[in-house]
Amino acid sequence: MNPNLAGALRRAGIYFVVGYAGLTIINNSGMGPDNLWMAYVPLFITVYFFARWADAKIAAFSLGKDNNNSAD
């Protein structure tokens, strides 16, 4: 698989899982509809940066594992 495509799919998967969990928590928090944007904006900003960070860690781990296998 193309590494760029794999990275994009991995980030989308992380974003989906973490974002959906965050939305579930916020929507069940009992906040009024007028105040939900105050929780959504930081949520999606945090989820974006978390997804980028987690993807970089996963890619580095995978790259290290691939390098160890090719050195054998």
C-alpha atoms as a PDB file:
ATOM      1  CA  MET A   1       0.000   0.000   0.000  1.00  0.00           C
ATOM      2  CA  ASN A   2       1.158   3.509  -0.740  1.00  0.00           C
ATOM      3  CA  PRO A   3       2.727   4.923   2.481  1.00  0.00           C
ATOM      4  CA  ASN A   4       1.007   8.287   2.011  1.00  0.00           C
ATOM      5  CA  LEU A   5      -2.366   6.604   1.662  1.00  0.00           C
ATOM      6  CA  ALA A   6      -1.713   4.383   4.673  1.00  0.00           C
ATOM      7  CA  GLY A   7      -0.820   7.424   6.786  1.00  0.00           C
ATOM      8  CA  ALA A   8      -3.913   9.309   5.697  1.00  0.00           C
ATOM      9  CA  LEU A   9      -6.163   6.341   6.432  1.00  0.00           C
ATOM     10  CA  ARG A  10      -4.486   5.809   9.806  1.00  0.00           C
ATOM     11  CA  ARG A  11      -4.998   9.488  10.756  1.00  0.00           C
ATOM     12  CA  ALA A  12      -8.614   9.377   9.589  1.00  0.00           C
ATOM     13  CA  GLY A  13      -9.224   6.267  11.681  1.00  0.00           C
ATOM     14  CA  ILE A  14      -7.659   7.825  14.778  1.00  0.00           C
ATOM     15  CA  TYR A  15      -9.599  11.058  14.195  1.00  0.00           C
ATOM     16  CA  PHE A  16     -12.854   9.137  13.776  1.00  0.00           C
ATOM     17  CA  VAL A  17     -12.466   7.016  16.922  1.00  0.00           C
ATOM     18  CA  VAL A  18     -11.244   9.790  19.224  1.00  0.00           C
ATOM     19  CA  GLY A  19     -13.619  12.396  17.758  1.00  0.00           C
ATOM     20  CA  TYR A  20     -16.627  10.118  18.042  1.00  0.00           C
ATOM     21  CA  ALA A  21     -15.759   9.304  21.660  1.00  0.00           C
ATOM     22  CA  GLY A  22     -15.397  13.023  22.429  1.00  0.00           C
ATOM     23  CA  LEU A  23     -18.695  13.860  20.742  1.00  0.00           C
ATOM     24  CA  THR A  24     -20.445  11.131  22.708  1.00  0.00           C
ATOM     25  CA  ILE A  25     -19.085  12.475  25.990  1.00  0.00           C
ATOM     26  CA  ILE A  26     -19.973  16.087  25.166  1.00  0.00           C
ATOM     27  CA  ASN A  27     -23.443  15.277  23.846  1.00  0.00           C
ATOM     28  CA  ASN A  28     -24.234  13.274  26.993  1.00  0.00           C
ATOM     29  CA  SER A  29     -22.842  15.962  29.312  1.00  0.00           C
ATOM     30  CA  GLY A  30     -26.121  17.831  29.600  1.00  0.00           C
ATOM     31  CA  MET A  31     -24.816  21.102  28.172  1.00  0.00           C
ATOM     32  CA  GLY A  32     -27.401  23.318  26.551  1.00  0.00           C
ATOM     33  CA  PRO A  33     -27.426  23.573  22.755  1.00  0.00           C
ATOM     34  CA  ASP A  34     -26.324  27.208  22.930  1.00  0.00           C
ATOM     35  CA  ASN A  35     -23.095  26.288  24.717  1.00  0.00           C
ATOM     36  CA  LEU A  36     -22.082  23.178  22.764  1.00  0.00           C
ATOM     37  CA  TRP A  37     -19.808  25.115  20.406  1.00  0.00           C
ATOM     38  CA  MET A  38     -17.683  26.053  23.431  1.00  0.00           C
ATOM     39  CA  ALA A  39     -16.935  22.361  23.893  1.00  0.00           C
ATOM     40  CA  TYR A  40     -16.818  21.347  20.204  1.00  0.00           C
ATOM     41  CA  VAL A  41     -14.126  23.816  19.126  1.00  0.00           C
ATOM     42  CA  PRO A  42     -11.483  22.730  21.680  1.00  0.00           C
ATOM     43  CA  LEU A  43     -12.498  19.100  21.179  1.00  0.00           C
ATOM     44  CA  PHE A  44     -11.838  19.095  17.449  1.00  0.00           C
ATOM     45  CA  ILE A  45      -8.623  21.103  17.767  1.00  0.00           C
ATOM     46  CA  THR A  46      -7.349  18.669  20.405  1.00  0.00           C
ATOM     47  CA  VAL A  47      -8.464  15.640  18.409  1.00  0.00           C
ATOM     48  CA  TYR A  48      -6.667  16.944  15.308  1.00  0.00           C
ATOM     49  CA  PHE A  49      -3.354  17.432  17.112  1.00  0.00           C
ATOM     50  CA  PHE A  50      -3.722  14.144  19.002  1.00  0.00           C
ATOM     51  CA  ALA A  51      -4.358  12.299  15.726  1.00  0.00           C
ATOM     52  CA  ARG A  52      -1.237  13.847  14.159  1.00  0.00           C
ATOM     53  CA  TRP A  53       0.870  12.990  17.218  1.00  0.00           C
ATOM     54  CA  ALA A  54      -0.446   9.423  17.491  1.00  0.00           C
ATOM     55  CA  ASP A  55       0.041   8.861  13.761  1.00  0.00           C
ATOM     56  CA  ALA A  56       3.657  10.040  13.995  1.00  0.00           C
ATOM     57  CA  LYS A  57       4.301   7.684  16.916  1.00  0.00           C
ATOM     58  CA  ILE A  58       2.692   4.739  15.128  1.00  0.00           C
ATOM     59  CA  ALA A  59       4.586   5.483  11.910  1.00  0.00           C
ATOM     60  CA  ALA A  60       7.904   5.742  13.776  1.00  0.00           C
ATOM     61  CA  PHE A  61       7.220   2.461  15.566  1.00  0.00           C
ATOM     62  CA  SER A  62       6.284   0.750  12.287  1.00  0.00           C
ATOM     63  CA  LEU A  63       9.346   2.154  10.536  1.00  0.00           C
ATOM     64  CA  GLY A  64      11.610   0.954  13.343  1.00  0.00           C
ATOM     65  CA  LYS A  65      10.052  -2.495  13.223  1.00  0.00           C
ATOM     66  CA  ASP A  66      10.457  -2.639   9.424  1.00  0.00           C
ATOM     67  CA  ASN A  67      14.114  -1.606   9.698  1.00  0.00           C
ATOM     68  CA  ASN A  68      14.769  -4.324  12.273  1.00  0.00           C
ATOM     69  CA  ASN A  69      13.213  -6.955  10.005  1.00  0.00           C
ATOM     70  CA  SER A  70      15.231  -5.859   6.961  1.00  0.00           C
ATOM     71  CA  ALA A  71      18.487  -5.921   8.965  1.00  0.00           C
ATOM     72  CA  ASP A  72      18.101  -9.640   9.710  1.00  0.00           C
END
